Amino acid sequence: MNITYRGIELTVEGSYTEGQITGYFEEDLQPTYEVYEVLIDGNDITVLLDMQQIEEIESLILESL
């Protein structure tokens, strides 16, 4: 998936999981996206990002879906 993060065009590879409705007494599960790899022009920059940045990217992807 291609996204713009802080003004930079990124290609992000990852896994999307749909949310689920659970039982009456349990909270429903929200959809999630887990980032595996972040690329700029085909170059892997995943190791250069900290966990907070990865979580921001995951949130941006979920908002765009």
C-alpha atoms as a PDB file:
ATOM      1  CA  MET A   1       0.000   0.000   0.000  1.00  0.00           C
ATOM      2  CA  ASN A   2       1.273   3.480  -0.821  1.00  0.00           C
ATOM      3  CA  ILE A   3       0.806   6.243   1.766  1.00  0.00           C
ATOM      4  CA  THR A   4       2.216   9.690   2.454  1.00  0.00           C
ATOM      5  CA  TYR A   5       3.802   9.943   5.910  1.00  0.00           C
ATOM      6  CA  ARG A   6       5.254  13.288   7.015  1.00  0.00           C
ATOM      7  CA  GLY A   7       5.373  14.420   3.395  1.00  0.00           C
ATOM      8  CA  ILE A   8       7.241  11.316   2.174  1.00  0.00           C
ATOM      9  CA  GLU A   9       5.716   8.738  -0.178  1.00  0.00           C
ATOM     10  CA  LEU A  10       6.107   5.265   1.371  1.00  0.00           C
ATOM     11  CA  THR A  11       5.288   1.781   0.191  1.00  0.00           C
ATOM     12  CA  VAL A  12       4.177  -0.325   3.137  1.00  0.00           C
ATOM     13  CA  GLU A  13       3.867  -4.109   3.228  1.00  0.00           C
ATOM     14  CA  GLY A  14       1.876  -5.668   6.027  1.00  0.00           C
ATOM     15  CA  SER A  15      -1.136  -7.601   7.184  1.00  0.00           C
ATOM     16  CA  TYR A  16      -4.715  -6.400   7.722  1.00  0.00           C
ATOM     17  CA  THR A  17      -7.127  -8.124  10.103  1.00  0.00           C
ATOM     18  CA  GLU A  18     -10.813  -7.228  10.080  1.00  0.00           C
ATOM     19  CA  GLY A  19     -12.564  -6.416  13.334  1.00  0.00           C
ATOM     20  CA  GLN A  20     -14.970  -8.941  14.782  1.00  0.00           C
ATOM     21  CA  ILE A  21     -18.158  -8.744  16.764  1.00  0.00           C
ATOM     22  CA  THR A  22     -17.737 -10.793  19.929  1.00  0.00           C
ATOM     23  CA  GLY A  23     -20.155 -12.007  22.555  1.00  0.00           C
ATOM     24  CA  TYR A  24     -22.570  -9.892  24.550  1.00  0.00           C
ATOM     25  CA  PHE A  25     -20.245  -9.512  27.549  1.00  0.00           C
ATOM     26  CA  GLU A  26     -17.030  -8.928  25.584  1.00  0.00           C
ATOM     27  CA  GLU A  27     -15.735  -5.858  23.776  1.00  0.00           C
ATOM     28  CA  ASP A  28     -15.771  -6.062  19.970  1.00  0.00           C
ATOM     29  CA  LEU A  29     -12.359  -6.503  18.317  1.00  0.00           C
ATOM     30  CA  GLN A  30     -11.179  -3.541  16.240  1.00  0.00           C
ATOM     31  CA  PRO A  31      -9.525  -3.951  12.821  1.00  0.00           C
ATOM     32  CA  THR A  32      -5.720  -3.960  12.902  1.00  0.00           C
ATOM     33  CA  TYR A  33      -2.861  -3.471  10.471  1.00  0.00           C
ATOM     34  CA  GLU A  34       0.609  -4.827  11.197  1.00  0.00           C
ATOM     35  CA  VAL A  35       3.535  -3.305   9.290  1.00  0.00           C
ATOM     36  CA  TYR A  36       6.135  -5.800   8.032  1.00  0.00           C
ATOM     37  CA  GLU A  37       8.229  -3.591   5.762  1.00  0.00           C
ATOM     38  CA  VAL A  38       8.463   0.115   4.852  1.00  0.00           C
ATOM     39  CA  LEU A  39      10.063   1.105   1.543  1.00  0.00           C
ATOM     40  CA  ILE A  40      11.115   4.345  -0.131  1.00  0.00           C
ATOM     41  CA  ASP A  41      11.768   3.917  -3.857  1.00  0.00           C
ATOM     42  CA  GLY A  42      12.316   0.178  -3.303  1.00  0.00           C
ATOM     43  CA  ASN A  43      14.760   0.662  -0.408  1.00  0.00           C
ATOM     44  CA  ASP A  44      13.832  -0.915   2.928  1.00  0.00           C
ATOM     45  CA  ILE A  45      13.877   1.679   5.738  1.00  0.00           C
ATOM     46  CA  THR A  46      11.979  -0.331   8.356  1.00  0.00           C
ATOM     47  CA  VAL A  47      14.957  -0.546  10.746  1.00  0.00           C
ATOM     48  CA  LEU A  48      15.274   3.255  10.720  1.00  0.00           C
ATOM     49  CA  LEU A  49      11.781   3.737  12.184  1.00  0.00           C
ATOM     50  CA  ASP A  50      10.975   3.496  15.891  1.00  0.00           C
ATOM     51  CA  MET A  51       7.859   1.804  17.282  1.00  0.00           C
ATOM     52  CA  GLN A  52       5.945   5.088  17.595  1.00  0.00           C
ATOM     53  CA  GLN A  53       6.480   5.861  13.903  1.00  0.00           C
ATOM     54  CA  ILE A  54       5.414   2.331  12.931  1.00  0.00           C
ATOM     55  CA  GLU A  55       2.228   2.740  14.999  1.00  0.00           C
ATOM     56  CA  GLU A  56       1.512   6.098  13.308  1.00  0.00           C
ATOM     57  CA  ILE A  57       1.899   4.453   9.895  1.00  0.00           C
ATOM     58  CA  GLU A  58      -0.420   1.624  10.939  1.00  0.00           C
ATOM     59  CA  SER A  59      -3.024   4.178  12.082  1.00  0.00           C
ATOM     60  CA  LEU A  60      -2.780   6.098   8.795  1.00  0.00           C
ATOM     61  CA  ILE A  61      -3.346   2.896   6.844  1.00  0.00           C
ATOM     62  CA  LEU A  62      -6.367   1.934   8.951  1.00  0.00           C
ATOM     63  CA  GLU A  63      -7.866   5.396   8.410  1.00  0.00           C
ATOM     64  CA  SER A  64      -7.452   5.066   4.650  1.00  0.00           C
ATOM     65  CA  LEU A  65      -9.124   1.636   4.410  1.00  0.00           C
END
